[in-house]
Each structure stands twice: as structure tokens, then as C-alpha cells.
Protein backbone atom coordinates (compact mmCIF):
# COMPACT_ATOMS: atom_id res chain seq x y z
CA MET A 1 4.85 74.55 39.35
CA ALA A 2 2.21 75.80 41.05
CA GLU A 3 1.05 79.09 40.07
CA ARG A 4 0.09 80.77 43.88
CA PRO A 5 2.21 79.52 47.03
CA GLU A 6 -1.72 78.10 48.03
CA ASP A 7 -1.50 75.29 46.10
CA LEU A 8 2.04 74.06 47.31
CA ASN A 9 -0.84 73.43 50.30
CA LEU A 10 -1.34 69.84 51.89
CA PRO A 11 -4.96 69.06 51.30
CA ASN A 12 -7.36 70.85 54.37
CA ALA A 13 -9.03 67.14 55.02
CA VAL A 14 -6.16 65.34 54.77
CA ILE A 15 -4.25 67.69 57.66
CA THR A 16 -7.88 67.80 59.95
CA ARG A 17 -7.42 63.65 59.87
CA ILE A 18 -4.33 63.80 60.83
CA ILE A 19 -4.59 66.27 63.53
CA LYS A 20 -8.19 64.81 64.63
CA GLU A 21 -6.10 60.71 64.79
CA ALA A 22 -3.19 62.86 66.85
CA LEU A 23 -5.24 64.63 69.61
CA PRO A 24 -6.93 63.32 72.03
CA ASP A 25 -10.32 63.02 72.57
CA GLY A 26 -12.69 65.89 73.04
CA VAL A 27 -9.80 68.18 72.12
CA ASN A 28 -10.35 70.99 69.34
CA ILE A 29 -9.00 73.28 67.39
CA SER A 30 -9.47 76.57 65.71
CA LYS A 31 -9.47 77.48 61.79
CA GLU A 32 -6.12 79.77 62.45
CA ALA A 33 -4.31 77.11 63.80
CA ARG A 34 -5.35 74.24 61.75
CA SER A 35 -4.05 76.68 58.58
CA ALA A 36 -0.95 77.22 60.28
CA ILE A 37 -0.33 73.38 60.69
CA SER A 38 -0.81 73.54 57.01
CA ARG A 39 0.94 75.57 56.21
CA ALA A 40 3.92 74.27 57.83
CA ALA A 41 3.44 70.85 56.44
CA SER A 42 3.22 71.71 53.50
CA VAL A 43 6.86 73.65 53.76
CA PHE A 44 8.47 70.39 55.55
CA VAL A 45 6.89 68.71 53.53
CA LEU A 46 8.96 70.95 49.97
CA TYR A 47 11.92 70.93 52.39
CA ALA A 48 12.27 67.35 52.14
CA THR A 49 11.44 66.83 48.14
CA SER A 50 14.68 69.73 47.23
CA CYS A 51 17.17 67.90 49.88
CA ALA A 52 15.81 64.51 48.24
CA ASN A 53 15.83 65.48 44.64
CA ASN A 54 19.72 66.97 45.76
CA PHE A 55 20.47 63.43 46.97
CA ALA A 56 19.01 62.81 43.82
CA MET A 57 20.70 65.10 41.43
CA LYS A 58 24.06 63.45 43.57
CA GLY A 59 22.92 60.43 41.77
CA LYS A 60 22.78 61.94 38.79
CA ARG A 61 18.88 60.57 38.44
CA LYS A 62 15.85 62.45 37.73
CA MET A 63 13.98 59.90 40.14
CA LEU A 64 13.83 60.72 43.78
CA ASN A 65 13.84 57.19 45.91
CA ALA A 66 13.00 55.53 49.19
CA GLY A 67 16.33 55.94 49.69
CA ASP A 68 16.66 59.82 48.69
CA VAL A 69 13.56 60.37 51.33
CA LEU A 70 15.83 58.75 54.61
CA SER A 71 18.89 60.18 53.33
CA ALA A 72 17.25 64.13 53.53
CA MET A 73 15.64 63.36 56.80
CA GLU A 74 19.19 62.56 58.37
CA GLU A 75 20.82 65.80 56.00
CA MET A 76 17.63 67.63 57.91
CA GLU A 77 19.23 66.28 61.35
CA PHE A 78 15.38 64.13 61.40
CA GLN A 79 17.18 60.87 62.15
CA ARG A 80 14.14 60.12 64.49
CA PHE A 81 12.22 59.48 62.08
CA VAL A 82 14.17 57.01 60.16
CA THR A 83 13.35 54.39 62.07
CA PRO A 84 9.53 54.73 62.15
CA LEU A 85 9.85 55.47 57.68
CA LYS A 86 11.79 53.15 56.96
CA GLU A 87 9.73 50.79 59.53
CA ALA A 88 6.27 52.19 57.38
CA LEU A 89 8.87 51.54 53.74
CA GLU A 90 9.26 47.73 54.83
CA VAL A 91 5.12 47.70 55.75
CA TYR A 92 4.09 49.10 52.35
CA ARG A 93 6.34 46.93 50.31
CA ARG A 94 5.06 43.64 51.66
CA GLU A 95 1.36 44.77 51.00
CA GLN A 96 2.29 46.24 47.77
CA LYS A 97 3.89 42.90 46.86
CA GLY A 98 1.11 40.68 48.36
CA LYS A 99 -1.62 43.05 46.06
CA LYS A 100 0.70 42.16 43.20
CA GLU A 101 0.71 38.37 43.96
CA ALA A 102 -2.91 39.07 44.25
CA ARG A 103 -3.02 40.53 41.06
CA LYS A 104 -0.92 37.36 39.40
CA ASP A 105 -2.89 34.84 40.88
CA LYS A 106 -6.45 36.48 39.77
CA ASP A 107 -4.99 36.74 36.36
CA LYS A 108 -3.76 32.95 36.65
CA LYS A 109 -6.87 32.22 37.26
CA ALA A 110 -8.60 34.24 35.04
CA ASP A 111 -6.81 32.70 32.57
CA SER A 112 -7.57 29.14 33.13
CA GLU A 113 -10.79 29.97 33.11
CA GLU A 114 -11.27 31.21 30.14
CA GLN A 115 -9.09 28.09 28.72
CA ASP A 116 -11.29 25.49 30.32
CA LYS A 117 -14.61 27.32 28.52
CA SER A 118 -12.29 26.94 25.17
CA ARG A 119 -12.10 23.41 25.72
CA GLU A 120 -15.40 22.72 26.21
CA GLU A 121 -16.60 25.20 23.16
CA ASP A 122 -13.99 22.93 21.61
CA ASN A 123 -15.89 19.71 22.87
CA ASP A 124 -19.43 21.61 22.36
CA ASP A 125 -18.15 21.71 18.79
CA ASP A 126 -16.73 18.78 18.28
CA ASP A 127 -19.63 16.80 19.34
CA GLU A 128 -21.83 18.50 16.82
CA ARG A 129 -19.75 17.85 14.41
CA ILE A 130 -19.94 14.06 15.64
CA GLU A 131 -24.37 13.60 15.34
CA GLU A 132 -23.81 14.55 12.17
CA GLU A 133 -22.05 12.67 11.24
CA GLU A 134 -23.37 9.79 12.13
CA PRO A 135 -26.56 8.68 9.88
CA ASN A 136 -30.15 8.24 11.31
CA ASP A 137 -31.05 5.13 11.58
CA GLU A 138 -34.51 5.94 10.68
CA GLU A 139 -33.38 6.04 6.96
CA GLU A 140 -31.06 3.55 7.28
CA VAL A 141 -33.81 0.87 7.92
CA ASP A 142 -36.37 2.59 4.41
CA ASN A 143 -33.76 1.77 2.48
């Protein structure tokens, strides 16, 4: 686990990007405020993880799943976030499914091209064998 409490904080670059996206253009935020938001976000994530872990333990599982997190959000009285989280989860799953299908298609295409290449090489080998086996016309005339 973490050796120092600071190790549990979210990366400053991520926090800064989230803050910039949330605030209107031209609004600046002090370094202290950014640090406070970072600590608050880290505490929230740890608390949500702890609550989700309780649901996983009740289910006699060691791995947290999306259902655990959604249940934790409801238990933490953040019901208004459950619907947007479900929607984001659905989008994520569709993207992952699309990526997985694209990878399968790419693998199938690569396998097909490899088989075609192998067939071409086999045909080239057969052509060479046929040329070796054909008698030379000039030799027959000389005899």
C-alpha cells in the first residue's frame, strides 16, 4: 500500500485538466485550491472504493465490479450520479466491444493474408518442381 498519505493523491495533471474542463474560460484557480480539490477527490475515490469493496466482500468476491461501484454510490447517497455512471459505463462497454471486434477482424485478415501468402509460396515451389521435371527440348533433339 502507500507509504505516505501523499501517495494516495490523484495525479496533479489529471486534476488540473478536470478543473480546466469544469470551469469557464478565463477563470484561474490557485495552487492551494487545486491541491485541496486533489485531496478531496482522492478521499472521495478511497471512500467509494472502500464502500464498493464492502459490496464485493458481501458477495464473497475479491474483485470489484461496476455493480459494486454503483451500489456504493447509492449507499453514499450519491444517487444522482448513478444514472450518468450507468450511461458512461454503457458507452465504455460499447467502445471496448468495438475495439475487440476490430482486433478480431484484424487478426482474421492477417491470418487470411498469411494463408494466401503460404499458398502462393507452395504454388511457386510446385512451379519450380515442374520446371525441374520437364525434359529439356534441346537435349532430346541432340540425341
